[in-house]
């Protein structure tokens, strides 16, 4: 693992604990790492997606989530760089609030480590 990848992984683990959010080390080519609903739940983090697994990383200076092979920007920086926004059907509703309010993506952004 390169120094940069090791530093990013260390920051991600420090930010979210070592309970399993990071399913594997970042891919050496893309820098993205697998994440899952199960691992987020185990660490007490909020899973914001309607699918059970995804990849997360940085692109265009912002956080990006990849679902079923398609990248979506979950920060303004990624979207400003041309990465399309996360579609409504992939972004979970916050059942505790209702009225179409979506679950926060802040834990996913933290794991991305951008």
C-alpha atoms as a PDB file:
ATOM      1  CA  UNK A   1       0.000   0.000   0.000  1.00  0.00           C
ATOM      2  CA  UNK A   2       1.377   3.404  -0.946  1.00  0.00           C
ATOM      3  CA  UNK A   3       1.966   6.107   1.616  1.00  0.00           C
ATOM      4  CA  UNK A   4      -0.998   8.181   0.422  1.00  0.00           C
ATOM      5  CA  UNK A   5      -3.387   5.202   0.419  1.00  0.00           C
ATOM      6  CA  UNK A   6      -2.174   4.178   3.864  1.00  0.00           C
ATOM      7  CA  UNK A   7      -2.701   7.696   5.187  1.00  0.00           C
ATOM      8  CA  UNK A   8      -6.201   7.891   3.701  1.00  0.00           C
ATOM      9  CA  UNK A   9      -7.120   4.527   5.202  1.00  0.00           C
ATOM     10  CA  UNK A  10      -5.736   5.569   8.591  1.00  0.00           C
ATOM     11  CA  UNK A  11      -7.775   8.779   8.511  1.00  0.00           C
ATOM     12  CA  UNK A  12     -10.936   6.884   7.532  1.00  0.00           C
ATOM     13  CA  UNK A  13     -10.456   4.361  10.311  1.00  0.00           C
ATOM     14  CA  UNK A  14      -9.764   7.100  12.847  1.00  0.00           C
ATOM     15  CA  UNK A  15     -12.854   8.987  11.737  1.00  0.00           C
ATOM     16  CA  UNK A  16     -15.238   6.060  11.999  1.00  0.00           C
ATOM     17  CA  UNK A  17     -13.581   3.532  14.282  1.00  0.00           C
ATOM     18  CA  UNK A  18     -12.230   0.108  13.374  1.00  0.00           C
ATOM     19  CA  UNK A  19     -15.442  -1.886  13.643  1.00  0.00           C
ATOM     20  CA  UNK A  20     -15.700  -2.775   9.990  1.00  0.00           C
ATOM     21  CA  UNK A  21     -16.949   0.153   7.899  1.00  0.00           C
ATOM     22  CA  UNK A  22     -14.037  -0.280   5.536  1.00  0.00           C
ATOM     23  CA  UNK A  23     -14.688  -3.669   3.993  1.00  0.00           C
ATOM     24  CA  UNK A  24     -11.277  -3.794   2.324  1.00  0.00           C
ATOM     25  CA  UNK A  25      -8.338  -1.566   1.612  1.00  0.00           C
ATOM     26  CA  UNK A  26      -8.911   1.012  -1.113  1.00  0.00           C
ATOM     27  CA  UNK A  27      -8.501  -0.333  -4.628  1.00  0.00           C
ATOM     28  CA  UNK A  28      -4.961   0.529  -5.736  1.00  0.00           C
ATOM     29  CA  UNK A  29      -6.187   1.785  -9.101  1.00  0.00           C
ATOM     30  CA  UNK A  30      -9.283   3.783  -8.142  1.00  0.00           C
ATOM     31  CA  UNK A  31      -8.743   4.566  -4.447  1.00  0.00           C
ATOM     32  CA  UNK A  32     -12.357   3.571  -3.780  1.00  0.00           C
ATOM     33  CA  UNK A  33     -13.313   1.200  -0.959  1.00  0.00           C
ATOM     34  CA  UNK A  34     -16.283  -1.103  -0.476  1.00  0.00           C
ATOM     35  CA  UNK A  35     -18.804  -0.241   2.202  1.00  0.00           C
ATOM     36  CA  UNK A  36     -21.994  -1.963   3.328  1.00  0.00           C
ATOM     37  CA  UNK A  37     -25.156  -1.426   5.329  1.00  0.00           C
ATOM     38  CA  UNK A  38     -24.088  -4.274   7.616  1.00  0.00           C
ATOM     39  CA  UNK A  39     -20.708  -2.688   8.418  1.00  0.00           C
ATOM     40  CA  UNK A  40     -22.243   0.756   8.974  1.00  0.00           C
ATOM     41  CA  UNK A  41     -24.864  -0.743  11.310  1.00  0.00           C
ATOM     42  CA  UNK A  42     -22.143  -2.615  13.223  1.00  0.00           C
ATOM     43  CA  UNK A  43     -20.299   0.675  13.795  1.00  0.00           C
ATOM     44  CA  UNK A  44     -23.417   2.647  14.732  1.00  0.00           C
ATOM     45  CA  UNK A  45     -23.223   4.771  11.584  1.00  0.00           C
ATOM     46  CA  UNK A  46     -26.079   5.905   9.385  1.00  0.00           C
ATOM     47  CA  UNK A  47     -26.470   4.033   6.078  1.00  0.00           C
ATOM     48  CA  UNK A  48     -28.037   6.489   3.605  1.00  0.00           C
ATOM     49  CA  UNK A  49     -28.649   4.234   0.615  1.00  0.00           C
ATOM     50  CA  UNK A  50     -31.498   1.976  -0.487  1.00  0.00           C
ATOM     51  CA  UNK A  51     -28.992  -0.680  -1.639  1.00  0.00           C
ATOM     52  CA  UNK A  52     -26.920  -2.834   0.734  1.00  0.00           C
ATOM     53  CA  UNK A  53     -23.434  -2.291  -0.711  1.00  0.00           C
ATOM     54  CA  UNK A  54     -21.534   0.398  -2.578  1.00  0.00           C
ATOM     55  CA  UNK A  55     -18.071   1.796  -3.133  1.00  0.00           C
ATOM     56  CA  UNK A  56     -17.001   5.202  -1.878  1.00  0.00           C
ATOM     57  CA  UNK A  57     -14.082   7.457  -2.699  1.00  0.00           C
ATOM     58  CA  UNK A  58     -13.055  10.836  -4.061  1.00  0.00           C
ATOM     59  CA  UNK A  59     -13.423  12.295  -7.529  1.00  0.00           C
ATOM     60  CA  UNK A  60     -13.307  15.879  -8.704  1.00  0.00           C
ATOM     61  CA  UNK A  61     -12.327  17.007  -5.219  1.00  0.00           C
ATOM     62  CA  UNK A  62     -15.471  15.605  -3.599  1.00  0.00           C
ATOM     63  CA  UNK A  63     -17.027  12.431  -2.246  1.00  0.00           C
ATOM     64  CA  UNK A  64     -18.497   9.956  -4.708  1.00  0.00           C
ATOM     65  CA  UNK A  65     -20.489   6.779  -4.165  1.00  0.00           C
ATOM     66  CA  UNK A  66     -20.559   4.053  -6.820  1.00  0.00           C
ATOM     67  CA  UNK A  67     -23.721   1.964  -6.940  1.00  0.00           C
ATOM     68  CA  UNK A  68     -23.941  -0.915  -9.391  1.00  0.00           C
ATOM     69  CA  UNK A  69     -21.120   0.538 -11.490  1.00  0.00           C
ATOM     70  CA  UNK A  70     -22.425   4.112 -11.713  1.00  0.00           C
ATOM     71  CA  UNK A  71     -20.757   7.006  -9.857  1.00  0.00           C
ATOM     72  CA  UNK A  72     -22.817   9.656  -8.060  1.00  0.00           C
ATOM     73  CA  UNK A  73     -21.572  12.810  -6.349  1.00  0.00           C
ATOM     74  CA  UNK A  74     -22.588  13.092  -2.702  1.00  0.00           C
ATOM     75  CA  UNK A  75     -20.906  16.457  -2.178  1.00  0.00           C
ATOM     76  CA  UNK A  76     -21.244  19.731  -4.015  1.00  0.00           C
ATOM     77  CA  UNK A  77     -17.598  19.564  -5.102  1.00  0.00           C
ATOM     78  CA  UNK A  78     -18.086  16.234  -6.875  1.00  0.00           C
ATOM     79  CA  UNK A  79     -21.299  17.423  -8.503  1.00  0.00           C
ATOM     80  CA  UNK A  80     -19.643  20.683  -9.599  1.00  0.00           C
ATOM     81  CA  UNK A  81     -16.945  18.557 -11.258  1.00  0.00           C
ATOM     82  CA  UNK A  82     -19.634  16.882 -13.364  1.00  0.00           C
ATOM     83  CA  UNK A  83     -20.450  13.772 -11.319  1.00  0.00           C
ATOM     84  CA  UNK A  84     -24.258  13.374 -11.328  1.00  0.00           C
ATOM     85  CA  UNK A  85     -26.118  13.714  -8.029  1.00  0.00           C
ATOM     86  CA  UNK A  86     -27.353  10.660  -6.123  1.00  0.00           C
ATOM     87  CA  UNK A  87     -30.816   9.832  -7.504  1.00  0.00           C
ATOM     88  CA  UNK A  88     -33.814   9.934  -5.187  1.00  0.00           C
ATOM     89  CA  UNK A  89     -34.477   6.195  -5.587  1.00  0.00           C
ATOM     90  CA  UNK A  90     -30.996   5.304  -4.256  1.00  0.00           C
ATOM     91  CA  UNK A  91     -31.106   7.793  -1.359  1.00  0.00           C
ATOM     92  CA  UNK A  92     -33.043   6.468   1.631  1.00  0.00           C
ATOM     93  CA  UNK A  93     -35.892   8.414   3.202  1.00  0.00           C
ATOM     94  CA  UNK A  94     -35.532   9.345   6.877  1.00  0.00           C
ATOM     95  CA  UNK A  95     -38.517   7.510   8.325  1.00  0.00           C
ATOM     96  CA  UNK A  96     -38.086   9.302  11.655  1.00  0.00           C
ATOM     97  CA  UNK A  97     -38.734  12.680  10.057  1.00  0.00           C
ATOM     98  CA  UNK A  98     -40.888  11.809   7.052  1.00  0.00           C
ATOM     99  CA  UNK A  99     -42.154  14.374   4.507  1.00  0.00           C
ATOM    100  CA  UNK A 100     -39.590  13.232   1.921  1.00  0.00           C
ATOM    101  CA  UNK A 101     -36.578  14.191   4.056  1.00  0.00           C
ATOM    102  CA  UNK A 102     -33.549  12.049   3.142  1.00  0.00           C
ATOM    103  CA  UNK A 103     -31.087  10.313   5.469  1.00  0.00           C
ATOM    104  CA  UNK A 104     -27.860  12.259   5.958  1.00  0.00           C
ATOM    105  CA  UNK A 105     -24.895  11.197   3.822  1.00  0.00           C
ATOM    106  CA  UNK A 106     -22.371  12.628   6.317  1.00  0.00           C
ATOM    107  CA  UNK A 107     -21.087   9.228   7.523  1.00  0.00           C
ATOM    108  CA  UNK A 108     -20.588   8.092   3.921  1.00  0.00           C
ATOM    109  CA  UNK A 109     -18.696  11.303   3.163  1.00  0.00           C
ATOM    110  CA  UNK A 110     -16.477  10.742   6.232  1.00  0.00           C
ATOM    111  CA  UNK A 111     -15.596   7.238   5.089  1.00  0.00           C
ATOM    112  CA  UNK A 112     -14.738   8.567   1.610  1.00  0.00           C
ATOM    113  CA  UNK A 113     -12.021  10.602   3.286  1.00  0.00           C
ATOM    114  CA  UNK A 114     -11.882  13.443   0.758  1.00  0.00           C
END
